[in-house]
Amino acid sequence: MPGLKAALNLLGYDVGLPRPPLAPVADAVLPSLREALAQFKEIPA
């Protein structure tokens, strides 16, 4: 769920953070996720 919420947030959908006990995706992972999503849609910076 954290990865899905992070991806949706990158796409511009405000879905918030995952509920505890799940933690949000680490900031270090976001560039890789943005790159992976870019093949499907242009991601806002």
N, C-alpha and C. Protein backbone atom coordinates (compact mmCIF):
# COMPACT_ATOMS: atom_id res chain seq x y z
N MET A 1 0.81 -1.19 0.00
CA MET A 1 0.00 0.00 0.00
C MET A 1 0.86 1.26 0.00
N PRO A 2 1.95 1.33 0.76
CA PRO A 2 2.77 2.55 0.74
C PRO A 2 3.28 2.90 -0.66
N GLY A 3 3.69 1.90 -1.42
CA GLY A 3 4.18 2.16 -2.77
C GLY A 3 3.08 2.67 -3.69
N LEU A 4 1.91 2.11 -3.57
CA LEU A 4 0.77 2.55 -4.38
C LEU A 4 0.40 3.99 -4.04
N LYS A 5 0.34 4.32 -2.76
CA LYS A 5 0.02 5.68 -2.36
C LYS A 5 1.09 6.66 -2.83
N ALA A 6 2.35 6.27 -2.76
CA ALA A 6 3.44 7.13 -3.23
C ALA A 6 3.30 7.36 -4.73
N ALA A 7 2.99 6.31 -5.49
CA ALA A 7 2.82 6.44 -6.94
C ALA A 7 1.65 7.37 -7.26
N LEU A 8 0.55 7.21 -6.58
CA LEU A 8 -0.61 8.07 -6.83
C LEU A 8 -0.30 9.52 -6.48
N ASN A 9 0.43 9.73 -5.40
CA ASN A 9 0.82 11.10 -5.04
C ASN A 9 1.71 11.70 -6.12
N LEU A 10 2.64 10.92 -6.68
CA LEU A 10 3.49 11.41 -7.76
C LEU A 10 2.68 11.76 -9.00
N LEU A 11 1.60 11.07 -9.21
CA LEU A 11 0.74 11.32 -10.37
C LEU A 11 -0.21 12.50 -10.15
N GLY A 12 -0.17 13.07 -8.95
CA GLY A 12 -0.99 14.24 -8.68
C GLY A 12 -2.26 13.98 -7.90
N TYR A 13 -2.46 12.76 -7.46
CA TYR A 13 -3.65 12.43 -6.67
C TYR A 13 -3.29 12.53 -5.19
N ASP A 14 -4.02 13.33 -4.45
CA ASP A 14 -3.75 13.51 -3.03
C ASP A 14 -4.44 12.40 -2.25
N VAL A 15 -3.72 11.31 -2.03
CA VAL A 15 -4.28 10.17 -1.31
C VAL A 15 -3.74 10.06 0.11
N GLY A 16 -2.86 10.97 0.48
CA GLY A 16 -2.33 10.98 1.83
C GLY A 16 -1.30 9.90 2.07
N LEU A 17 -1.01 9.69 3.34
CA LEU A 17 -0.01 8.72 3.77
C LEU A 17 -0.69 7.42 4.19
N PRO A 18 0.06 6.32 4.17
CA PRO A 18 -0.52 5.06 4.66
C PRO A 18 -0.80 5.14 6.16
N ARG A 19 -1.79 4.41 6.59
CA ARG A 19 -2.13 4.37 8.01
C ARG A 19 -1.15 3.47 8.76
N PRO A 20 -0.86 3.81 10.02
CA PRO A 20 0.00 2.95 10.84
C PRO A 20 -0.60 1.55 10.93
N PRO A 21 0.18 0.55 11.00
CA PRO A 21 1.62 0.54 11.26
C PRO A 21 2.47 0.67 10.01
N LEU A 22 1.88 0.88 8.83
CA LEU A 22 2.66 1.02 7.61
C LEU A 22 3.34 2.38 7.56
N ALA A 23 4.56 2.39 7.05
CA ALA A 23 5.33 3.63 6.94
C ALA A 23 5.31 4.11 5.49
N PRO A 24 5.42 5.42 5.28
CA PRO A 24 5.51 5.94 3.92
C PRO A 24 6.78 5.43 3.23
N VAL A 25 6.80 5.48 1.92
CA VAL A 25 7.97 5.09 1.14
C VAL A 25 9.08 6.09 1.44
N ALA A 26 10.31 5.60 1.57
CA ALA A 26 11.46 6.46 1.85
C ALA A 26 11.70 7.43 0.69
N ASP A 27 12.13 8.63 1.01
CA ASP A 27 12.40 9.65 -0.01
C ASP A 27 13.42 9.17 -1.03
N ALA A 28 14.34 8.32 -0.63
CA ALA A 28 15.38 7.81 -1.53
C ALA A 28 14.79 6.94 -2.64
N VAL A 29 13.59 6.40 -2.43
CA VAL A 29 12.95 5.52 -3.40
C VAL A 29 12.15 6.30 -4.45
N LEU A 30 11.75 7.51 -4.13
CA LEU A 30 10.87 8.28 -5.01
C LEU A 30 11.45 8.52 -6.41
N PRO A 31 12.74 8.84 -6.57
CA PRO A 31 13.25 9.00 -7.93
C PRO A 31 13.10 7.73 -8.79
N SER A 32 13.34 6.58 -8.20
CA SER A 32 13.18 5.32 -8.93
C SER A 32 11.72 5.09 -9.30
N LEU A 33 10.83 5.39 -8.38
CA LEU A 33 9.40 5.23 -8.64
C LEU A 33 8.95 6.20 -9.74
N ARG A 34 9.44 7.44 -9.68
CA ARG A 34 9.10 8.43 -10.69
C ARG A 34 9.59 7.97 -12.07
N GLU A 35 10.80 7.42 -12.12
CA GLU A 35 11.35 6.92 -13.38
C GLU A 35 10.52 5.75 -13.92
N ALA A 36 10.11 4.85 -13.05
CA ALA A 36 9.31 3.70 -13.47
C ALA A 36 7.95 4.16 -14.01
N LEU A 37 7.36 5.16 -13.39
CA LEU A 37 6.05 5.64 -13.82
C LEU A 37 6.15 6.46 -15.11
N ALA A 38 7.31 7.05 -15.37
CA ALA A 38 7.47 7.93 -16.52
C ALA A 38 7.24 7.19 -17.84
N GLN A 39 7.43 5.90 -17.87
CA GLN A 39 7.20 5.16 -19.10
C GLN A 39 5.71 5.08 -19.45
N PHE A 40 4.85 5.39 -18.51
CA PHE A 40 3.41 5.33 -18.74
C PHE A 40 2.77 6.71 -18.88
N LYS A 41 3.35 7.71 -18.19
CA LYS A 41 2.77 9.04 -18.18
C LYS A 41 3.83 10.02 -17.74
N GLU A 42 3.75 11.26 -18.25
CA GLU A 42 4.67 12.29 -17.80
C GLU A 42 4.32 12.65 -16.36
N ILE A 43 5.32 12.60 -15.51
CA ILE A 43 5.13 12.83 -14.07
C ILE A 43 5.49 14.28 -13.75
N PRO A 44 4.61 15.01 -13.05
CA PRO A 44 4.97 16.37 -12.67
C PRO A 44 6.17 16.36 -11.73
N ALA A 45 7.04 17.34 -11.87
CA ALA A 45 8.25 17.42 -11.04
C ALA A 45 7.96 17.95 -9.66
